[in-house]
Protein backbone atom coordinates (compact mmCIF):
# COMPACT_ATOMS: atom_id res chain seq x y z
CA MET A 1 -0.02 0.04 0.20
CA THR A 2 1.39 3.34 -1.03
CA LEU A 3 1.58 5.74 1.69
CA THR A 4 0.47 9.36 0.85
CA THR A 5 -0.25 12.93 2.50
CA LYS A 6 -3.15 13.65 0.02
CA PRO A 7 -6.83 13.64 0.99
CA VAL A 8 -8.39 10.67 0.75
CA ILE A 9 -11.92 9.99 -0.57
CA HIS A 10 -13.12 6.65 -0.10
CA ILE A 11 -16.05 5.37 -2.36
CA VAL A 12 -18.46 3.25 -1.89
CA GLY A 13 -20.41 2.06 -5.21
CA MET A 14 -17.87 2.23 -8.59
CA GLY A 15 -20.91 2.05 -10.76
CA SER A 16 -21.72 5.28 -13.48
CA MET A 17 -21.74 7.91 -10.33
CA GLY A 18 -19.05 6.59 -8.43
CA THR A 19 -16.60 6.53 -11.53
CA LEU A 20 -17.88 9.62 -12.82
CA LEU A 21 -16.57 11.19 -9.71
CA ALA A 22 -13.39 9.33 -9.07
CA VAL A 23 -12.39 10.08 -12.58
CA ASN A 24 -12.95 14.07 -11.96
CA LEU A 25 -11.15 14.18 -8.55
CA LEU A 26 -8.56 12.48 -9.87
CA GLN A 27 -7.98 14.35 -12.71
CA PHE A 28 -8.72 18.00 -11.30
CA SER A 29 -7.91 17.49 -7.42
CA ASN A 30 -4.96 16.88 -5.27
CA THR A 31 -6.79 13.29 -3.60
CA GLU A 32 -6.32 10.09 -3.27
CA VAL A 33 -9.48 7.72 -4.35
CA ILE A 34 -9.68 4.58 -2.51
CA PRO A 35 -12.86 2.47 -3.97
CA LEU A 36 -14.42 0.13 -1.49
CA PHE A 37 -16.08 -2.96 -3.27
CA ARG A 38 -18.79 -5.13 -1.59
CA ASN A 39 -16.67 -8.89 -1.80
CA LYS A 40 -13.28 -10.31 -2.93
CA GLU A 41 -14.80 -11.06 -6.62
CA ARG A 42 -15.56 -8.00 -7.27
CA LEU A 43 -12.35 -6.21 -5.99
CA SER A 44 -10.40 -8.81 -7.98
CA GLN A 45 -12.33 -8.15 -11.18
CA PHE A 46 -11.15 -4.56 -10.77
CA GLN A 47 -7.50 -5.11 -9.69
CA LYS A 48 -6.81 -7.88 -12.17
CA ASP A 49 -9.36 -7.60 -15.18
CA ALA A 50 -9.37 -3.71 -15.17
CA ALA A 51 -6.24 -3.16 -13.93
CA SER A 52 -7.23 -1.20 -11.45
CA THR A 53 -8.10 1.34 -14.00
CA ILE A 54 -11.41 3.44 -14.53
CA GLY A 55 -12.44 5.46 -17.29
CA ILE A 56 -15.18 8.10 -18.75
CA ARG A 57 -15.94 8.90 -22.29
CA LYS A 58 -17.29 12.26 -22.90
CA LEU A 59 -19.65 11.89 -25.15
CA PHE A 60 -20.85 15.28 -25.34
CA GLU A 61 -17.52 16.51 -26.72
CA LYS A 62 -16.01 16.08 -29.98
CA ASP A 63 -14.55 13.20 -30.41
CA THR A 64 -16.06 11.84 -27.31
CA PRO A 65 -12.49 11.73 -25.51
CA LEU A 66 -11.54 8.79 -23.26
CA ILE A 67 -10.02 9.60 -20.04
CA THR A 68 -8.48 6.89 -18.21
CA LYS A 69 -7.20 6.92 -14.16
CA ARG A 70 -5.54 4.01 -12.67
CA VAL A 71 -6.28 3.97 -8.72
CA GLU A 72 -3.57 2.83 -6.60
CA ASN A 73 -5.30 1.21 -3.61
CA SER A 74 -8.55 -0.74 -3.36
CA PHE A 75 -10.45 -2.91 -0.97
CA CYS A 76 -13.11 -4.88 0.30
CA PRO A 77 -14.25 -5.66 3.64
CA THR A 78 -12.02 -8.70 4.34
CA ASP A 79 -8.90 -6.65 3.49
CA PHE A 80 -9.78 -3.13 4.81
CA PRO A 81 -6.86 -1.69 6.65
CA GLY A 82 -9.28 -0.73 9.56
CA THR A 83 -8.00 2.75 8.82
CA HIS A 84 -10.44 5.90 9.99
CA ILE A 85 -12.33 6.87 7.37
CA GLN A 86 -11.99 10.81 6.91
CA ASN A 87 -14.23 11.19 3.54
CA LEU A 88 -16.89 8.45 2.42
CA VAL A 89 -18.89 8.81 -1.05
CA ILE A 90 -21.96 6.42 -0.77
CA THR A 91 -22.94 6.01 -5.01
CA THR A 92 -24.79 2.54 -4.28
CA LYS A 93 -28.30 1.83 -5.35
CA THR A 94 -30.39 3.15 -2.37
CA TYR A 95 -31.83 -0.34 -1.77
CA GLN A 96 -27.88 -1.10 -1.05
CA THR A 97 -27.13 1.73 1.49
CA LYS A 98 -27.15 -0.49 4.51
CA SER A 99 -25.50 -3.42 3.76
CA ALA A 100 -22.56 -1.49 1.55
CA LEU A 101 -21.99 0.53 4.96
CA GLN A 102 -22.48 -2.27 7.18
CA PRO A 103 -18.51 -3.46 7.21
CA TYR A 104 -17.32 -0.20 7.23
CA LEU A 105 -18.98 0.98 10.59
CA PRO A 106 -16.39 0.14 12.99
CA TYR A 107 -14.43 3.05 10.69
CA ILE A 108 -16.75 5.69 10.55
CA ASP A 109 -17.77 8.37 13.91
CA SER A 110 -18.63 11.53 14.56
CA ASP A 111 -15.14 13.13 12.39
CA THR A 112 -16.51 11.25 9.58
CA ASN A 113 -17.81 13.03 6.39
CA LEU A 114 -20.05 10.93 4.92
CA ILE A 115 -22.05 12.17 1.21
CA LEU A 116 -25.08 10.28 -0.63
CA ILE A 117 -24.99 10.65 -4.19
CA GLN A 118 -28.16 8.71 -4.89
CA ASN A 119 -31.19 8.74 -6.71
CA GLY A 120 -34.44 8.42 -4.96
CA LEU A 121 -35.63 9.58 -1.45
CA GLY A 122 -36.07 7.73 1.75
CA VAL A 123 -32.13 6.61 2.90
CA LEU A 124 -31.81 9.19 5.16
CA GLU A 125 -34.68 7.88 7.47
CA VAL A 126 -32.86 4.24 7.29
CA LEU A 127 -29.61 5.82 8.22
CA ARG A 128 -31.42 7.46 11.10
CA GLU A 129 -33.47 5.15 12.42
CA ASP A 130 -31.04 1.52 11.60
CA ILE A 131 -27.76 2.36 10.95
CA PHE A 132 -26.75 5.51 13.25
CA THR A 133 -29.00 5.25 15.99
CA LYS A 134 -26.70 6.99 18.60
CA ALA A 135 -26.79 10.92 17.89
CA ASP A 136 -23.22 11.24 19.65
CA ASN A 137 -21.78 9.13 16.88
CA ARG A 138 -23.20 10.38 13.33
CA PRO A 139 -21.41 11.45 11.13
CA ASN A 140 -21.32 14.56 9.10
CA LEU A 141 -23.83 13.84 6.72
CA PHE A 142 -24.30 15.08 3.06
CA GLN A 143 -26.45 15.00 0.32
CA GLY A 144 -25.17 15.42 -3.40
CA VAL A 145 -27.95 15.85 -5.81
CA ILE A 146 -26.31 14.83 -9.25
CA SER A 147 -27.74 15.66 -12.80
CA HIS A 148 -24.98 14.59 -15.26
CA GLY A 149 -25.40 11.77 -17.46
CA CYS A 150 -23.69 8.52 -17.23
CA PHE A 151 -23.80 5.34 -18.39
CA GLN A 152 -21.69 2.00 -18.39
CA ASP A 153 -19.64 1.40 -21.49
CA GLU A 154 -17.68 -1.71 -20.65
CA GLY A 155 -16.44 -2.98 -17.69
CA PHE A 156 -15.07 0.12 -15.70
CA ILE A 157 -15.33 2.57 -18.70
CA TYR A 158 -18.75 4.62 -18.47
CA ASN A 159 -20.01 7.27 -21.00
CA HIS A 160 -20.45 10.76 -20.10
CA ALA A 161 -23.62 11.54 -21.89
CA GLY A 162 -24.66 14.91 -20.24
CA PHE A 163 -22.72 17.53 -18.48
CA ALA A 164 -24.60 19.19 -15.44
CA ASP A 165 -24.07 19.86 -12.43
CA ILE A 166 -23.87 18.25 -8.60
CA LYS A 167 -25.58 20.16 -5.67
CA ILE A 168 -24.26 19.38 -2.23
CA ALA A 169 -26.06 20.03 1.01
CA ARG A 170 -25.57 18.98 5.10
CA LEU A 171 -28.45 16.42 5.68
CA PRO A 172 -30.30 17.38 8.82
CA TRP A 173 -30.08 14.18 11.53
CA SER A 174 -33.37 15.72 13.36
CA GLN A 175 -36.62 17.90 12.08
CA GLU A 176 -35.39 20.92 14.01
CA ASP A 177 -32.54 21.44 11.22
CA LEU A 178 -34.57 21.51 8.68
CA VAL A 179 -34.07 25.07 7.57
CA GLN A 180 -30.56 26.35 7.28
CA THR A 181 -29.15 29.82 7.34
CA ASN A 182 -26.24 31.17 4.85
CA ASP A 183 -23.74 31.10 7.58
CA SER A 184 -23.92 26.99 7.91
CA VAL A 185 -22.75 26.80 4.37
CA VAL A 186 -20.18 29.68 4.69
CA ASN A 187 -19.01 27.22 7.79
CA ASP A 188 -18.97 24.28 5.48
CA SER A 189 -17.05 25.91 3.02
CA SER A 190 -14.27 26.79 5.10
CA GLU A 191 -13.88 24.07 7.25
CA ASN A 192 -15.23 20.84 6.28
CA SER A 193 -12.64 18.67 4.77
CA LEU A 194 -14.87 16.72 2.22
CA VAL A 195 -17.08 20.16 0.98
CA LYS A 196 -13.67 21.69 0.53
CA ILE A 197 -12.20 19.07 -1.98
CA LEU A 198 -15.54 19.08 -3.41
CA THR A 199 -15.85 22.56 -4.22
CA GLU A 200 -12.41 23.70 -4.71
CA PRO A 201 -12.59 26.18 -7.79
CA THR A 202 -10.48 23.81 -10.55
CA PHE A 203 -12.80 20.70 -9.57
CA ALA A 204 -15.92 22.76 -9.02
CA LYS A 205 -15.57 24.20 -12.49
CA GLU A 206 -15.08 21.06 -14.17
CA PHE A 207 -17.69 19.06 -12.28
CA ASN A 208 -19.81 22.29 -12.08
CA SER A 209 -20.01 21.44 -7.98
CA LYS A 210 -22.28 23.53 -5.96
CA ILE A 211 -22.61 24.10 -1.70
CA MET A 212 -25.80 25.14 -0.49
CA THR A 213 -28.43 25.15 2.66
CA TYR A 214 -30.04 22.08 2.72
CA GLN A 215 -33.68 23.43 1.88
CA GLU A 216 -31.81 24.86 -1.31
CA MET A 217 -30.57 21.29 -1.90
CA LEU A 218 -33.96 19.33 -1.27
CA PHE A 219 -35.52 22.20 -3.80
CA GLY A 220 -32.71 20.95 -6.45
CA GLN A 221 -33.33 17.27 -5.14
CA LEU A 222 -37.20 16.92 -5.35
CA PHE A 223 -36.60 18.73 -9.25
CA LYS A 224 -34.04 15.59 -9.89
CA PHE A 225 -36.34 13.38 -7.99
CA LEU A 226 -39.49 13.98 -10.60
CA ILE A 227 -36.86 14.09 -13.34
CA ASN A 228 -35.81 10.20 -12.55
CA ALA A 229 -39.54 9.50 -11.96
CA CYS A 230 -39.96 10.14 -15.30
CA ILE A 231 -37.26 9.19 -17.46
CA ASN A 232 -35.95 5.94 -15.46
CA PRO A 233 -39.05 3.82 -15.41
CA VAL A 234 -40.28 4.98 -18.88
CA THR A 235 -37.13 4.30 -20.69
CA ALA A 236 -36.94 1.34 -18.70
CA THR A 237 -40.01 -0.05 -19.37
CA LEU A 238 -39.55 0.60 -23.28
CA ASP A 239 -36.06 -0.01 -23.28
CA CYS A 240 -34.95 3.27 -24.97
CA ASP A 241 -32.43 5.74 -25.01
CA ASN A 242 -33.75 9.00 -23.42
CA GLY A 243 -33.78 10.86 -26.82
CA GLU A 244 -35.61 8.11 -28.58
CA MET A 245 -39.14 9.29 -26.72
CA VAL A 246 -38.83 13.08 -26.91
CA ASP A 247 -41.85 13.40 -29.23
CA SER A 248 -44.10 11.15 -27.30
CA CYS A 249 -43.73 11.27 -23.52
CA ARG A 250 -45.18 14.40 -22.56
CA PRO A 251 -48.66 12.66 -21.69
CA ILE A 252 -47.10 10.36 -19.20
CA PHE A 253 -44.95 12.82 -17.91
CA VAL A 254 -47.88 15.19 -17.22
CA SER A 255 -49.74 12.37 -15.53
CA ILE A 256 -46.51 11.31 -13.30
CA ILE A 257 -45.79 14.99 -12.42
CA GLU A 258 -49.06 16.05 -11.75
CA GLU A 259 -49.57 12.85 -9.19
CA GLY A 260 -46.20 13.01 -7.83
CA LEU A 261 -46.25 16.78 -6.90
CA SER A 262 -50.00 16.59 -5.02
CA ILE A 263 -48.27 13.72 -2.53
CA LEU A 264 -44.67 15.87 -2.25
CA ARG A 265 -46.54 19.00 -1.74
CA VAL A 266 -47.88 17.39 1.63
CA ALA A 267 -45.12 15.72 2.75
CA TYR A 268 -42.79 18.63 2.13
CA LYS A 269 -45.00 21.56 3.30
CA PRO A 270 -42.57 23.69 5.02
CA LEU A 271 -40.69 24.13 1.56
CA PHE A 272 -43.69 24.71 -0.22
CA GLU A 273 -44.52 27.35 2.14
CA TYR A 274 -40.87 28.64 2.30
CA GLU A 275 -40.90 31.41 0.38
CA ASN A 276 -43.78 33.01 2.07
CA LYS A 277 -42.05 32.60 5.35
CA TYR A 278 -38.08 32.87 4.65
CA ASN A 279 -37.64 34.83 1.33
CA SER A 280 -37.69 38.16 3.05
CA MET A 281 -35.08 37.23 5.67
CA ASP A 282 -31.44 38.37 4.95
CA ASP A 283 -29.79 35.06 6.65
CA TYR A 284 -31.81 32.67 4.21
CA PRO A 285 -31.70 32.23 0.48
CA SER A 286 -34.56 33.07 -1.45
CA LEU A 287 -36.33 30.17 -3.17
CA ASN A 288 -38.92 30.11 -5.86
CA VAL A 289 -40.05 26.96 -5.19
CA ASN A 290 -43.83 27.03 -6.44
CA SER A 291 -43.15 28.33 -10.23
CA VAL A 292 -40.31 25.79 -10.36
CA LEU A 293 -42.46 22.72 -9.22
CA ASN A 294 -45.30 23.23 -11.08
CA VAL A 295 -46.47 20.65 -13.70
CA ASP A 296 -45.79 22.80 -16.66
CA HIS A 297 -42.35 24.20 -15.92
CA LEU A 298 -41.52 20.54 -14.83
CA VAL A 299 -42.49 18.59 -17.77
CA ASN A 300 -40.67 21.02 -20.32
CA GLU A 301 -37.48 21.00 -18.50
CA ILE A 302 -37.91 17.01 -17.89
CA ILE A 303 -38.13 16.80 -21.71
CA HIS A 304 -35.51 19.28 -22.10
CA ILE A 305 -32.86 17.84 -19.77
CA GLY A 306 -33.65 14.14 -19.77
CA CYS A 307 -34.30 14.08 -23.47
CA VAL A 308 -32.59 16.62 -25.01
CA VAL A 309 -29.63 17.45 -23.35
CA ASN A 310 -28.84 13.22 -22.04
CA ALA A 311 -30.53 12.46 -25.27
CA LYS A 312 -27.93 9.67 -26.08
CA ASN A 313 -28.03 8.70 -22.30
CA SER A 314 -29.48 5.57 -20.87
CA SER A 315 -30.68 5.54 -17.69
CA SER A 316 -29.96 3.98 -14.61
CA MET A 317 -33.07 1.89 -14.19
CA ARG A 318 -32.99 1.05 -17.81
CA GLN A 319 -29.52 -0.42 -17.56
CA ASP A 320 -30.75 -2.13 -14.18
CA THR A 321 -33.10 -4.00 -16.31
CA ARG A 322 -30.99 -4.95 -19.14
CA TYR A 323 -28.48 -6.24 -16.82
CA LEU A 324 -31.20 -8.23 -14.90
CA ARG A 325 -30.11 -6.22 -11.55
CA GLU A 326 -32.45 -4.97 -9.13
CA THR A 327 -33.56 -1.57 -9.48
CA GLU A 328 -34.62 1.57 -7.30
CA ILE A 329 -38.17 1.69 -8.52
CA ASP A 330 -39.25 1.31 -4.94
CA TYR A 331 -37.22 4.79 -3.85
CA ILE A 332 -38.71 6.69 -6.53
CA ASN A 333 -42.01 5.79 -8.10
CA GLY A 334 -42.72 3.47 -4.97
CA TYR A 335 -41.41 5.95 -2.75
CA LEU A 336 -44.19 7.97 -3.82
CA VAL A 337 -47.12 5.12 -3.25
CA ASN A 338 -45.72 4.04 0.08
CA LEU A 339 -45.63 8.19 1.29
CA ALA A 340 -48.88 8.62 0.21
CA HIS A 341 -50.14 5.71 1.99
CA ASP A 342 -47.60 6.88 4.74
CA LEU A 343 -49.85 9.99 4.73
CA GLY A 344 -53.26 8.94 4.66
CA LEU A 345 -53.99 9.96 1.33
CA SER A 346 -56.77 8.12 -0.55
CA PRO A 347 -55.49 4.82 -2.26
CA ASP A 348 -56.19 6.77 -5.74
CA SER A 349 -53.97 9.38 -4.77
CA ALA A 350 -50.84 7.19 -6.21
CA LYS A 351 -52.26 5.13 -9.01
CA VAL A 352 -50.17 6.18 -11.53
CA ASN A 353 -46.81 5.97 -9.81
CA LYS A 354 -48.00 2.04 -8.90
CA THR A 355 -48.81 1.42 -12.28
CA ILE A 356 -45.70 2.82 -13.01
CA SER A 357 -43.52 0.42 -10.59
CA GLU A 358 -45.50 -2.42 -11.40
CA LEU A 359 -44.57 -2.11 -15.34
CA VAL A 360 -40.90 -1.55 -14.36
CA LYS A 361 -40.96 -4.88 -12.24
CA LEU A 362 -43.01 -6.67 -15.11
CA ARG A 363 -40.16 -5.22 -17.48
CA LEU A 364 -37.42 -6.67 -15.09
CA GLY A 365 -39.03 -10.11 -14.66
CA LEU A 366 -39.87 -10.74 -18.21
CA ASN A 367 -36.05 -9.95 -19.38
CA ARG A 368 -34.97 -12.35 -16.28
CA LYS A 369 -37.38 -15.38 -17.98
CA ARG A 370 -36.24 -14.53 -20.90
CA ALA A 371 -32.86 -14.81 -20.12
CA SER A 372 -33.38 -18.34 -18.35
CA GLU A 373 -34.52 -19.47 -21.60
CA GLY A 374 -31.59 -18.31 -23.54
CA GLU A 375 -33.42 -15.71 -25.46
CA TRP A 376 -32.66 -12.51 -23.77
CA LYS A 377 -31.01 -10.35 -26.07
CA PHE A 378 -30.21 -6.25 -26.19
CA LYS A 379 -28.01 -4.18 -28.45
């Protein structure tokens, strides 16, 4: 193992977003990246088959240049050296978070900075109620809402299909910290080691990373969540690239968004009332929540961002159904269904998203059946 004085970032989840982040960190920051794999087999694939090399092909640039980087150190739970983890990035699927974190919990404490870069909602509740149950040993927790489009090419080479941004904010462990002042952002930017790395000017320019308050991030997170609620399940069900459905997706997107917003307005009522309460106060950022999180604006933006800017992208959920993997549908459209139930809303209040969730599961089941019969192929 090579000794280093560089700041270290461990990454759990070397899929599309983990690899995209790692390549950019290695290229544009003075940071060591250490991938943490789930088992010895996966680690061996990385170290031997891929020669510990990761790569990103930028489809949105002329001649689609391929950038590769070799990683010096990588581990799995059985050979982890047992050192304290200072900075940890989680980019696994939402449903894998608990099991992925479990082996490394002895090396995480209140001095650890942990950032979630995932689709969907509901992981914070899992962390608070099932994993970090003791308040005095909880890490500094952040969320990264990433809008870059990225999908697998082969092995540990991924296609960066659409350039966008990543929004970063400190997550509140308690309900009392839901609304943050601008001063909290300034403090994290100057004092927190992980935030300093992710917002260092050179890296921030190339990866378009931005630190903000939780309510600003939640605003962006709900925006991204609703993009995912449209793009991911529809492309997975239809088995198409994002851009292929640009001329015919509006009606189904309208149905998903109308229903989703009606549920989120109840669940996140303080955010939708934020501009009336805080916009006139100097210590808080101004948010135009209701002019952005409305059906017409959202559908237009989702079609533009999802189907035009990321036209060549193959969504993560489509990739999961193609590779016969479990999807994150229960943390996206399925989350809306469960949320409506938990809020005591009418069973019909989530019928569109329930149907969408069932169609994705049907698609995956059909692909698996065809694979078992030797008939499954994809282009």
